[in-house]
Amino acid sequence: MGDAVPVTTPDDATVELPRTRARSGFWRETSGALAIGLAGLAVVVLALQVIAWVRGLPGPGIAVLLGHFATAAAALLAQHFADRKTGPQAALSILIVAIATGTAIWFFWWA
């Protein structure tokens, strides 16, 4: 039986269904949330810049806008690899997502 779950059908025949895929793990899920959050933040900064242009104000600026999109792209690419790799490769990809997120927060929000 191993990896299958036995299920009884209405005609008393037993069918084995494959087990559902296990969760990916806390760190992989956390890095995924960081990556998608960073992408969402980049879209928000874009919207704020467009609103500023329409109103004739300086807004966040092109450098900040491009920086948000660059870090979001790096995080999403790293998350893509983290979701498809295992072991040290996945750990490195998760670390890259964390670094990209930290970079965006540090340079564009705190400094």
PDB file of N, CA and C in Angstrom:
ATOM      1  N   MET A   1       0.818  -1.177   0.000  1.00  0.00           N
ATOM      2  CA  MET A   1       0.000   0.000   0.000  1.00  0.00           C
ATOM      3  C   MET A   1       0.867   1.248   0.000  1.00  0.00           C
ATOM      4  N   GLY A   2       1.846   1.393   0.810  1.00  0.00           N
ATOM      5  CA  GLY A   2       2.838   2.449   0.768  1.00  0.00           C
ATOM      6  C   GLY A   2       2.297   3.864   0.680  1.00  0.00           C
ATOM      7  N   ASP A   3       2.338   4.451  -0.517  1.00  0.00           N
ATOM      8  CA  ASP A   3       1.998   5.855  -0.706  1.00  0.00           C
ATOM      9  C   ASP A   3       0.543   6.079  -1.096  1.00  0.00           C
ATOM     10  N   ALA A   4      -0.312   5.104  -0.971  1.00  0.00           N
ATOM     11  CA  ALA A   4      -1.698   5.255  -1.402  1.00  0.00           C
ATOM     12  C   ALA A   4      -2.636   5.187  -0.201  1.00  0.00           C
ATOM     13  N   VAL A   5      -3.777   5.820  -0.333  1.00  0.00           N
ATOM     14  CA  VAL A   5      -4.808   5.819   0.691  1.00  0.00           C
ATOM     15  C   VAL A   5      -5.951   4.931   0.201  1.00  0.00           C
ATOM     16  N   PRO A   6      -6.285   3.853   0.941  1.00  0.00           N
ATOM     17  CA  PRO A   6      -7.392   2.998   0.493  1.00  0.00           C
ATOM     18  C   PRO A   6      -8.741   3.682   0.696  1.00  0.00           C
ATOM     19  N   VAL A   7      -9.606   3.600  -0.307  1.00  0.00           N
ATOM     20  CA  VAL A   7     -10.937   4.187  -0.263  1.00  0.00           C
ATOM     21  C   VAL A   7     -11.920   3.125  -0.732  1.00  0.00           C
ATOM     22  N   THR A   8     -13.041   2.974  -0.001  1.00  0.00           N
ATOM     23  CA  THR A   8     -14.064   1.998  -0.389  1.00  0.00           C
ATOM     24  C   THR A   8     -15.123   2.694  -1.220  1.00  0.00           C
ATOM     25  N   THR A   9     -15.441   2.120  -2.375  1.00  0.00           N
ATOM     26  CA  THR A   9     -16.461   2.679  -3.257  1.00  0.00           C
ATOM     27  C   THR A   9     -17.823   2.112  -2.887  1.00  0.00           C
ATOM     28  N   PRO A  10     -18.912   2.665  -3.430  1.00  0.00           N
ATOM     29  CA  PRO A  10     -20.253   2.175  -3.090  1.00  0.00           C
ATOM     30  C   PRO A  10     -20.461   0.691  -3.407  1.00  0.00           C
ATOM     31  N   ASP A  11     -19.765   0.138  -4.377  1.00  0.00           N
ATOM     32  CA  ASP A  11     -19.953  -1.284  -4.703  1.00  0.00           C
ATOM     33  C   ASP A  11     -18.969  -2.171  -3.940  1.00  0.00           C
ATOM     34  N   ASP A  12     -18.470  -1.701  -2.807  1.00  0.00           N
ATOM     35  CA  ASP A  12     -17.562  -2.420  -1.909  1.00  0.00           C
ATOM     36  C   ASP A  12     -16.220  -2.789  -2.541  1.00  0.00           C
ATOM     37  N   ALA A  13     -15.839  -2.143  -3.616  1.00  0.00           N
ATOM     38  CA  ALA A  13     -14.510  -2.356  -4.193  1.00  0.00           C
ATOM     39  C   ALA A  13     -13.564  -1.335  -3.563  1.00  0.00           C
ATOM     40  N   THR A  14     -12.375  -1.752  -3.235  1.00  0.00           N
ATOM     41  CA  THR A  14     -11.396  -0.848  -2.632  1.00  0.00           C
ATOM     42  C   THR A  14     -10.496  -0.291  -3.720  1.00  0.00           C
ATOM     43  N   VAL A  15     -10.415   1.019  -3.760  1.00  0.00           N
ATOM     44  CA  VAL A  15      -9.573   1.719  -4.725  1.00  0.00           C
ATOM     45  C   VAL A  15      -8.515   2.484  -3.941  1.00  0.00           C
ATOM     46  N   GLU A  16      -7.294   2.457  -4.419  1.00  0.00           N
ATOM     47  CA  GLU A  16      -6.239   3.191  -3.740  1.00  0.00           C
ATOM     48  C   GLU A  16      -5.972   4.499  -4.468  1.00  0.00           C
ATOM     49  N   LEU A  17      -6.162   5.600  -3.753  1.00  0.00           N
ATOM     50  CA  LEU A  17      -5.910   6.921  -4.301  1.00  0.00           C
ATOM     51  C   LEU A  17      -4.520   7.380  -3.877  1.00  0.00           C
ATOM     52  N   PRO A  18      -3.813   8.067  -4.747  1.00  0.00           N
ATOM     53  CA  PRO A  18      -2.490   8.559  -4.342  1.00  0.00           C
ATOM     54  C   PRO A  18      -2.619   9.616  -3.256  1.00  0.00           C
ATOM     55  N   ARG A  19      -1.623   9.670  -2.392  1.00  0.00           N
ATOM     56  CA  ARG A  19      -1.626  10.678  -1.324  1.00  0.00           C
ATOM     57  C   ARG A  19      -1.425  12.058  -1.932  1.00  0.00           C
ATOM     58  N   THR A  20      -1.976  13.039  -1.258  1.00  0.00           N
ATOM     59  CA  THR A  20      -1.772  14.405  -1.728  1.00  0.00           C
ATOM     60  C   THR A  20      -0.341  14.820  -1.444  1.00  0.00           C
ATOM     61  N   ARG A  21       0.118  15.782  -2.178  1.00  0.00           N
ATOM     62  CA  ARG A  21       1.488  16.256  -2.042  1.00  0.00           C
ATOM     63  C   ARG A  21       1.677  16.915  -0.678  1.00  0.00           C
ATOM     64  N   ALA A  22       2.801  16.674  -0.081  1.00  0.00           N
ATOM     65  CA  ALA A  22       3.098  17.261   1.219  1.00  0.00           C
ATOM     66  C   ALA A  22       3.347  18.756   1.078  1.00  0.00           C
ATOM     67  N   ARG A  23       3.162  19.471   2.160  1.00  0.00           N
ATOM     68  CA  ARG A  23       3.449  20.909   2.160  1.00  0.00           C
ATOM     69  C   ARG A  23       4.925  21.144   1.902  1.00  0.00           C
ATOM     70  N   SER A  24       5.233  22.311   1.358  1.00  0.00           N
ATOM     71  CA  SER A  24       6.617  22.579   0.999  1.00  0.00           C
ATOM     72  C   SER A  24       7.497  22.976   2.160  1.00  0.00           C
ATOM     73  N   GLY A  25       6.951  23.437   3.229  1.00  0.00           N
ATOM     74  CA  GLY A  25       7.760  23.814   4.373  1.00  0.00           C
ATOM     75  C   GLY A  25       7.643  25.295   4.690  1.00  0.00           C
ATOM     76  N   PHE A  26       7.924  25.596   5.934  1.00  0.00           N
ATOM     77  CA  PHE A  26       7.747  26.954   6.441  1.00  0.00           C
ATOM     78  C   PHE A  26       8.584  27.975   5.688  1.00  0.00           C
ATOM     79  N   TRP A  27       9.869  27.705   5.492  1.00  0.00           N
ATOM     80  CA  TRP A  27      10.755  28.696   4.878  1.00  0.00           C
ATOM     81  C   TRP A  27      10.417  28.930   3.417  1.00  0.00           C
ATOM     82  N   ARG A  28      10.076  27.885   2.712  1.00  0.00           N
ATOM     83  CA  ARG A  28       9.705  28.046   1.301  1.00  0.00           C
ATOM     84  C   ARG A  28       8.407  28.836   1.164  1.00  0.00           C
ATOM     85  N   GLU A  29       7.459  28.563   2.033  1.00  0.00           N
ATOM     86  CA  GLU A  29       6.193  29.293   2.002  1.00  0.00           C
ATOM     87  C   GLU A  29       6.395  30.752   2.420  1.00  0.00           C
ATOM     88  N   THR A  30       7.255  30.985   3.399  1.00  0.00           N
ATOM     89  CA  THR A  30       7.543  32.349   3.838  1.00  0.00           C
ATOM     90  C   THR A  30       8.225  33.141   2.729  1.00  0.00           C
ATOM     91  N   SER A  31       9.183  32.521   2.057  1.00  0.00           N
ATOM     92  CA  SER A  31       9.866  33.231   0.970  1.00  0.00           C
ATOM     93  C   SER A  31       8.907  33.492  -0.190  1.00  0.00           C
ATOM     94  N   GLY A  32       7.969  32.604  -0.417  1.00  0.00           N
ATOM     95  CA  GLY A  32       6.957  32.839  -1.444  1.00  0.00           C
ATOM     96  C   GLY A  32       6.086  34.031  -1.105  1.00  0.00           C
ATOM     97  N   ALA A  33       5.721  34.139   0.165  1.00  0.00           N
ATOM     98  CA  ALA A  33       4.926  35.288   0.602  1.00  0.00           C
ATOM     99  C   ALA A  33       5.725  36.584   0.468  1.00  0.00           C
ATOM    100  N   LEU A  34       7.005  36.537   0.801  1.00  0.00           N
ATOM    101  CA  LEU A  34       7.851  37.720   0.643  1.00  0.00           C
ATOM    102  C   LEU A  34       7.975  38.122  -0.823  1.00  0.00           C
ATOM    103  N   ALA A  35       8.163  37.137  -1.696  1.00  0.00           N
ATOM    104  CA  ALA A  35       8.326  37.432  -3.126  1.00  0.00           C
ATOM    105  C   ALA A  35       7.059  38.049  -3.713  1.00  0.00           C
ATOM    106  N   ILE A  36       5.904  37.479  -3.411  1.00  0.00           N
ATOM    107  CA  ILE A  36       4.668  38.015  -3.975  1.00  0.00           C
ATOM    108  C   ILE A  36       4.335  39.364  -3.328  1.00  0.00           C
ATOM    109  N   GLY A  37       4.692  39.528  -2.056  1.00  0.00           N
ATOM    110  CA  GLY A  37       4.492  40.809  -1.407  1.00  0.00           C
ATOM    111  C   GLY A  37       5.360  41.899  -2.011  1.00  0.00           C
ATOM    112  N   LEU A  38       6.592  41.539  -2.360  1.00  0.00           N
ATOM    113  CA  LEU A  38       7.489  42.499  -2.993  1.00  0.00           C
ATOM    114  C   LEU A  38       6.991  42.885  -4.382  1.00  0.00           C
ATOM    115  N   ALA A  39       6.439  41.925  -5.104  1.00  0.00           N
ATOM    116  CA  ALA A  39       5.859  42.227  -6.419  1.00  0.00           C
ATOM    117  C   ALA A  39       4.638  43.140  -6.273  1.00  0.00           C
ATOM    118  N   GLY A  40       3.811  42.872  -5.285  1.00  0.00           N
ATOM    119  CA  GLY A  40       2.656  43.732  -5.030  1.00  0.00           C
ATOM    120  C   GLY A  40       3.078  45.136  -4.634  1.00  0.00           C
ATOM    121  N   LEU A  41       4.126  45.238  -3.846  1.00  0.00           N
ATOM    122  CA  LEU A  41       4.638  46.546  -3.446  1.00  0.00           C
ATOM    123  C   LEU A  41       5.159  47.323  -4.654  1.00  0.00           C
ATOM    124  N   ALA A  42       5.804  46.629  -5.584  1.00  0.00           N
ATOM    125  CA  ALA A  42       6.292  47.288  -6.796  1.00  0.00           C
ATOM    126  C   ALA A  42       5.126  47.859  -7.607  1.00  0.00           C
ATOM    127  N   VAL A  43       4.039  47.124  -7.679  1.00  0.00           N
ATOM    128  CA  VAL A  43       2.855  47.606  -8.401  1.00  0.00           C
ATOM    129  C   VAL A  43       2.254  48.821  -7.689  1.00  0.00           C
ATOM    130  N   VAL A  44       2.241  48.806  -6.364  1.00  0.00           N
ATOM    131  CA  VAL A  44       1.730  49.955  -5.605  1.00  0.00           C
ATOM    132  C   VAL A  44       2.595  51.185  -5.844  1.00  0.00           C
ATOM    133  N   VAL A  45       3.916  51.009  -5.849  1.00  0.00           N
ATOM    134  CA  VAL A  45       4.818  52.138  -6.109  1.00  0.00           C
ATOM    135  C   VAL A  45       4.602  52.672  -7.527  1.00  0.00           C
ATOM    136  N   LEU A  46       4.370  51.775  -8.481  1.00  0.00           N
ATOM    137  CA  LEU A  46       4.066  52.210  -9.850  1.00  0.00           C
ATOM    138  C   LEU A  46       2.788  53.047  -9.873  1.00  0.00           C
ATOM    139  N   ALA A  47       1.759  52.589  -9.181  1.00  0.00           N
ATOM    140  CA  ALA A  47       0.490  53.332  -9.134  1.00  0.00           C
ATOM    141  C   ALA A  47       0.695  54.700  -8.497  1.00  0.00           C
ATOM    142  N   LEU A  48       1.487  54.761  -7.430  1.00  0.00           N
ATOM    143  CA  LEU A  48       1.750  56.047  -6.793  1.00  0.00           C
ATOM    144  C   LEU A  48       2.523  56.982  -7.719  1.00  0.00           C
ATOM    145  N   GLN A  49       3.460  56.437  -8.492  1.00  0.00           N
ATOM    146  CA  GLN A  49       4.213  57.265  -9.426  1.00  0.00           C
ATOM    147  C   GLN A  49       3.306  57.793 -10.538  1.00  0.00           C
ATOM    148  N   VAL A  50       2.414  56.968 -11.049  1.00  0.00           N
ATOM    149  CA  VAL A  50       1.491  57.401 -12.091  1.00  0.00           C
ATOM    150  C   VAL A  50       0.560  58.487 -11.550  1.00  0.00           C
ATOM    151  N   ILE A  51       0.056  58.303 -10.345  1.00  0.00           N
ATOM    152  CA  ILE A  51      -0.800  59.322  -9.732  1.00  0.00           C
ATOM    153  C   ILE A  51      -0.030  60.632  -9.573  1.00  0.00           C
ATOM    154  N   ALA A  52       1.223  60.531  -9.152  1.00  0.00           N
ATOM    155  CA  ALA A  52       2.045  61.735  -8.997  1.00  0.00           C
ATOM    156  C   ALA A  52       2.253  62.434 -10.332  1.00  0.00           C
ATOM    157  N   TRP A  53       2.514  61.666 -11.400  1.00  0.00           N
ATOM    158  CA  TRP A  53       2.688  62.276 -12.725  1.00  0.00           C
ATOM    159  C   TRP A  53       1.414  62.993 -13.176  1.00  0.00           C
ATOM    160  N   VAL A  54       0.272  62.354 -12.955  1.00  0.00           N
ATOM    161  CA  VAL A  54      -1.003  62.943 -13.367  1.00  0.00           C
ATOM    162  C   VAL A  54      -1.243  64.260 -12.631  1.00  0.00           C
ATOM    163  N   ARG A  55      -0.865  64.324 -11.379  1.00  0.00           N
ATOM    164  CA  ARG A  55      -1.077  65.536 -10.578  1.00  0.00           C
ATOM    165  C   ARG A  55       0.067  66.541 -10.697  1.00  0.00           C
ATOM    166  N   GLY A  56       1.090  66.198 -11.463  1.00  0.00           N
ATOM    167  CA  GLY A  56       2.211  67.113 -11.636  1.00  0.00           C
ATOM    168  C   GLY A  56       3.160  67.170 -10.456  1.00  0.00           C
ATOM    169  N   LEU A  57       3.234  66.099  -9.678  1.00  0.00           N
ATOM    170  CA  LEU A  57       4.108  66.022  -8.504  1.00  0.00           C
ATOM    171  C   LEU A  57       5.293  65.103  -8.807  1.00  0.00           C
ATOM    172  N   PRO A  58       6.375  65.195  -8.030  1.00  0.00           N
ATOM    173  CA  PRO A  58       7.540  64.359  -8.312  1.00  0.00           C
ATOM    174  C   PRO A  58       7.313  62.875  -8.011  1.00  0.00           C
ATOM    175  N   GLY A  59       6.575  62.535  -6.980  1.00  0.00           N
ATOM    176  CA  GLY A  59       6.324  61.133  -6.644  1.00  0.00           C
ATOM    177  C   GLY A  59       7.565  60.440  -6.129  1.00  0.00           C
ATOM    178  N   PRO A  60       7.538  59.109  -6.062  1.00  0.00           N
ATOM    179  CA  PRO A  60       8.680  58.359  -5.534  1.00  0.00           C
ATOM    180  C   PRO A  60       9.940  58.492  -6.402  1.00  0.00           C
ATOM    181  N   GLY A  61       9.778  58.630  -7.691  1.00  0.00           N
ATOM    182  CA  GLY A  61      10.918  58.760  -8.592  1.00  0.00           C
ATOM    183  C   GLY A  61      11.171  57.495  -9.394  1.00  0.00           C
ATOM    184  N   ILE A  62      11.816  57.692 -10.530  1.00  0.00           N
ATOM    185  CA  ILE A  62      12.089  56.571 -11.431  1.00  0.00           C
ATOM    186  C   ILE A  62      13.067  55.575 -10.810  1.00  0.00           C
ATOM    187  N   ALA A  63      14.090  56.075 -10.106  1.00  0.00           N
ATOM    188  CA  ALA A  63      15.077  55.175  -9.497  1.00  0.00           C
ATOM    189  C   ALA A  63      14.421  54.244  -8.475  1.00  0.00           C
ATOM    190  N   VAL A  64      13.544  54.792  -7.651  1.00  0.00           N
ATOM    191  CA  VAL A  64      12.837  53.984  -6.648  1.00  0.00           C
ATOM    192  C   VAL A  64      11.912  52.989  -7.339  1.00  0.00           C
ATOM    193  N   LEU A  65      11.223  53.445  -8.366  1.00  0.00           N
ATOM    194  CA  LEU A  65      10.313  52.572  -9.110  1.00  0.00           C
ATOM    195  C   LEU A  65      11.067  51.405  -9.752  1.00  0.00           C
ATOM    196  N   LEU A  66      12.157  51.716 -10.441  1.00  0.00           N
ATOM    197  CA  LEU A  66      12.952  50.660 -11.080  1.00  0.00           C
ATOM    198  C   LEU A  66      13.595  49.730 -10.049  1.00  0.00           C
ATOM    199  N   GLY A  67      14.011  50.301  -8.922  1.00  0.00           N
ATOM    200  CA  GLY A  67      14.582  49.480  -7.852  1.00  0.00           C
ATOM    201  C   GLY A  67      13.585  48.494  -7.296  1.00  0.00           C
ATOM    202  N   HIS A  68      12.336  48.941  -7.113  1.00  0.00           N
ATOM    203  CA  HIS A  68      11.297  48.029  -6.624  1.00  0.00           C
ATOM    204  C   HIS A  68      11.039  46.901  -7.630  1.00  0.00           C
ATOM    205  N   PHE A  69      10.973  47.256  -8.909  1.00  0.00           N
ATOM    206  CA  PHE A  69      10.723  46.217  -9.904  1.00  0.00           C
ATOM    207  C   PHE A  69      11.912  45.275 -10.059  1.00  0.00           C
ATOM    208  N   ALA A  70      13.130  45.787  -9.917  1.00  0.00           N
ATOM    209  CA  ALA A  70      14.314  44.926 -10.017  1.00  0.00           C
ATOM    210  C   ALA A  70      14.381  43.938  -8.859  1.00  0.00           C
ATOM    211  N   THR A  71      14.140  44.418  -7.635  1.00  0.00           N
ATOM    212  CA  THR A  71      14.186  43.505  -6.492  1.00  0.00           C
ATOM    213  C   THR A  71      13.020  42.517  -6.528  1.00  0.00           C
ATOM    214  N   ALA A  72      11.866  42.965  -7.008  1.00  0.00           N
ATOM    215  CA  ALA A  72      10.724  42.051  -7.126  1.00  0.00           C
ATOM    216  C   ALA A  72      11.007  40.977  -8.172  1.00  0.00           C
ATOM    217  N   ALA A  73      11.608  41.363  -9.296  1.00  0.00           N
ATOM    218  CA  ALA A  73      11.938  40.381 -10.333  1.00  0.00           C
ATOM    219  C   ALA A  73      12.965  39.372  -9.813  1.00  0.00           C
ATOM    220  N   ALA A  74      13.972  39.853  -9.084  1.00  0.00           N
ATOM    221  CA  ALA A  74      14.978  38.948  -8.517  1.00  0.00           C
ATOM    222  C   ALA A  74      14.343  37.978  -7.520  1.00  0.00           C
ATOM    223  N   ALA A  75      13.450  38.497  -6.680  1.00  0.00           N
ATOM    224  CA  ALA A  75      12.791  37.649  -5.685  1.00  0.00           C
ATOM    225  C   ALA A  75      11.885  36.615  -6.341  1.00  0.00           C
ATOM    226  N   LEU A  76      11.126  37.027  -7.350  1.00  0.00           N
ATOM    227  CA  LEU A  76      10.230  36.082  -8.029  1.00  0.00           C
ATOM    228  C   LEU A  76      11.015  35.016  -8.776  1.00  0.00           C
ATOM    229  N   LEU A  77      12.123  35.393  -9.400  1.00  0.00           N
ATOM    230  CA  LEU A  77      12.959  34.415 -10.094  1.00  0.00           C
ATOM    231  C   LEU A  77      13.581  33.434  -9.105  1.00  0.00           C
ATOM    232  N   ALA A  78      14.078  33.948  -7.999  1.00  0.00           N
ATOM    233  CA  ALA A  78      14.650  33.070  -6.975  1.00  0.00           C
ATOM    234  C   ALA A  78      13.584  32.148  -6.387  1.00  0.00           C
ATOM    235  N   GLN A  79      12.381  32.659  -6.199  1.00  0.00           N
ATOM    236  CA  GLN A  79      11.302  31.821  -5.669  1.00  0.00           C
ATOM    237  C   GLN A  79      10.917  30.733  -6.657  1.00  0.00           C
ATOM    238  N   HIS A  80      10.981  31.054  -7.934  1.00  0.00           N
ATOM    239  CA  HIS A  80      10.705  30.053  -8.969  1.00  0.00           C
ATOM    240  C   HIS A  80      11.661  28.871  -8.804  1.00  0.00           C
ATOM    241  N   PHE A  81      12.936  29.159  -8.585  1.00  0.00           N
ATOM    242  CA  PHE A  81      13.911  28.089  -8.393  1.00  0.00           C
ATOM    243  C   PHE A  81      13.717  27.388  -7.054  1.00  0.00           C
ATOM    244  N   ALA A  82      13.372  28.146  -6.016  1.00  0.00           N
ATOM    245  CA  ALA A  82      13.154  27.549  -4.694  1.00  0.00           C
ATOM    246  C   ALA A  82      12.012  26.545  -4.721  1.00  0.00           C
ATOM    247  N   ASP A  83      10.996  26.826  -5.523  1.00  0.00           N
ATOM    248  CA  ASP A  83       9.849  25.925  -5.609  1.00  0.00           C
ATOM    249  C   ASP A  83      10.153  24.657  -6.395  1.00  0.00           C
ATOM    250  N   ARG A  84      11.204  24.669  -7.194  1.00  0.00           N
ATOM    251  CA  ARG A  84      11.503  23.524  -8.053  1.00  0.00           C
ATOM    252  C   ARG A  84      12.750  22.753  -7.654  1.00  0.00           C
ATOM    253  N   LYS A  85      13.520  23.246  -6.714  1.00  0.00           N
ATOM    254  CA  LYS A  85      14.751  22.597  -6.281  1.00  0.00           C
ATOM    255  C   LYS A  85      14.609  22.096  -4.857  1.00  0.00           C
ATOM    256  N   THR A  86      15.568  21.300  -4.436  1.00  0.00           N
ATOM    257  CA  THR A  86      15.606  20.797  -3.067  1.00  0.00           C
ATOM    258  C   THR A  86      17.007  20.999  -2.508  1.00  0.00           C
ATOM    259  N   GLY A  87      17.133  20.846  -1.222  1.00  0.00           N
ATOM    260  CA  GLY A  87      18.433  20.901  -0.572  1.00  0.00           C
ATOM    261  C   GLY A  87      19.075  22.274  -0.605  1.00  0.00           C
ATOM    262  N   PRO A  88      20.409  22.295  -0.777  1.00  0.00           N
ATOM    263  CA  PRO A  88      21.141  23.566  -0.729  1.00  0.00           C
ATOM    264  C   PRO A  88      20.712  24.555  -1.820  1.00  0.00           C
ATOM    265  N   GLN A  89      20.311  24.056  -2.969  1.00  0.00           N
ATOM    266  CA  GLN A  89      19.866  24.952  -4.047  1.00  0.00           C
ATOM    267  C   GLN A  89      18.604  25.695  -3.639  1.00  0.00           C
ATOM    268  N   ALA A  90      17.675  25.005  -3.023  1.00  0.00           N
ATOM    269  CA  ALA A  90      16.445  25.645  -2.552  1.00  0.00           C
ATOM    270  C   ALA A  90      16.759  26.627  -1.426  1.00  0.00           C
ATOM    271  N   ALA A  91      17.656  26.234  -0.528  1.00  0.00           N
ATOM    272  CA  ALA A  91      18.019  27.117   0.586  1.00  0.00           C
ATOM    273  C   ALA A  91      18.662  28.399   0.075  1.00  0.00           C
ATOM    274  N   LEU A  92      19.536  28.291  -0.922  1.00  0.00           N
ATOM    275  CA  LEU A  92      20.168  29.474  -1.495  1.00  0.00           C
ATOM    276  C   LEU A  92      19.131  30.371  -2.167  1.00  0.00           C
ATOM    277  N   SER A  93      18.188  29.776  -2.871  1.00  0.00           N
ATOM    278  CA  SER A  93      17.132  30.556  -3.515  1.00  0.00           C
ATOM    279  C   SER A  93      16.274  31.283  -2.494  1.00  0.00           C
ATOM    280  N   ILE A  94      15.965  30.619  -1.393  1.00  0.00           N
ATOM    281  CA  ILE A  94      15.181  31.240  -0.321  1.00  0.00           C
ATOM    282  C   ILE A  94      15.968  32.396   0.297  1.00  0.00           C
ATOM    283  N   LEU A  95      17.268  32.209   0.461  1.00  0.00           N
ATOM    284  CA  LEU A  95      18.119  33.271   0.990  1.00  0.00           C
ATOM    285  C   LEU A  95      18.149  34.473   0.047  1.00  0.00           C
ATOM    286  N   ILE A  96      18.182  34.224  -1.252  1.00  0.00           N
ATOM    287  CA  ILE A  96      18.176  35.313  -2.229  1.00  0.00           C
ATOM    288  C   ILE A  96      16.868  36.102  -2.156  1.00  0.00           C
ATOM    289  N   VAL A  97      15.750  35.417  -1.957  1.00  0.00           N
ATOM    290  CA  VAL A  97      14.470  36.114  -1.790  1.00  0.00           C
ATOM    291  C   VAL A  97      14.530  37.015  -0.562  1.00  0.00           C
ATOM    292  N   ALA A  98      15.064  36.505   0.536  1.00  0.00           N
ATOM    293  CA  ALA A  98      15.167  37.296   1.758  1.00  0.00           C
ATOM    294  C   ALA A  98      16.082  38.505   1.553  1.00  0.00           C
ATOM    295  N   ILE A  99      17.184  38.308   0.846  1.00  0.00           N
ATOM    296  CA  ILE A  99      18.115  39.412   0.589  1.00  0.00           C
ATOM    297  C   ILE A  99      17.467  40.462  -0.305  1.00  0.00           C
ATOM    298  N   ALA A 100      16.761  40.038  -1.339  1.00  0.00           N
ATOM    299  CA  ALA A 100      16.084  40.988  -2.229  1.00  0.00           C
ATOM    300  C   ALA A 100      15.041  41.793  -1.463  1.00  0.00           C
ATOM    301  N   THR A 101      14.296  41.132  -0.597  1.00  0.00           N
ATOM    302  CA  THR A 101      13.279  41.827   0.199  1.00  0.00           C
ATOM    303  C   THR A 101      13.933  42.807   1.173  1.00  0.00           C
ATOM    304  N   GLY A 102      14.981  42.357   1.848  1.00  0.00           N
ATOM    305  CA  GLY A 102      15.693  43.233   2.771  1.00  0.00           C
ATOM    306  C   GLY A 102      16.306  44.432   2.075  1.00  0.00           C
ATOM    307  N   THR A 103      16.836  44.208   0.873  1.00  0.00           N
ATOM    308  CA  THR A 103      17.417  45.299   0.097  1.00  0.00           C
ATOM    309  C   THR A 103      16.367  46.346  -0.257  1.00  0.00           C
ATOM    310  N   ALA A 104      15.225  45.900  -0.723  1.00  0.00           N
ATOM    311  CA  ALA A 104      14.150  46.837  -1.083  1.00  0.00           C
ATOM    312  C   ALA A 104      13.679  47.622   0.134  1.00  0.00           C
ATOM    313  N   ILE A 105      13.493  46.948   1.241  1.00  0.00           N
ATOM    314  CA  ILE A 105      13.018  47.637   2.441  1.00  0.00           C
ATOM    315  C   ILE A 105      14.071  48.619   2.949  1.00  0.00           C
ATOM    316  N   TRP A 106      15.324  48.191   2.971  1.00  0.00           N
ATOM    317  CA  TRP A 106      16.371  49.048   3.507  1.00  0.00           C
ATOM    318  C   TRP A 106      16.578  50.297   2.646  1.00  0.00           C
ATOM    319  N   PHE A 107      16.796  50.099   1.356  1.00  0.00           N
ATOM    320  CA  PHE A 107      17.156  51.229   0.507  1.00  0.00           C
ATOM    321  C   PHE A 107      15.984  52.131   0.118  1.00  0.00           C
ATOM    322  N   PHE A 108      14.793  51.577   0.019  1.00  0.00           N
ATOM    323  CA  PHE A 108      13.685  52.376  -0.474  1.00  0.00           C
ATOM    324  C   PHE A 108      12.686  52.803   0.591  1.00  0.00           C
ATOM    325  N   TRP A 109      12.787  52.251   1.804  1.00  0.00           N
ATOM    326  CA  TRP A 109      11.829  52.610   2.828  1.00  0.00           C
ATOM    327  C   TRP A 109      12.483  53.119   4.114  1.00  0.00           C
ATOM    328  N   TRP A 110      13.621  52.537   4.514  1.00  0.00           N
ATOM    329  CA  TRP A 110      14.222  52.936   5.784  1.00  0.00           C
ATOM    330  C   TRP A 110      15.335  53.962   5.631  1.00  0.00           C
ATOM    331  N   ALA A 111      16.137  53.840   4.605  1.00  0.00           N
ATOM    332  CA  ALA A 111      17.310  54.736   4.476  1.00  0.00           C
ATOM    333  C   ALA A 111      16.917  56.072   3.879  1.00  0.00           C
TER     334      ALA A 111
END
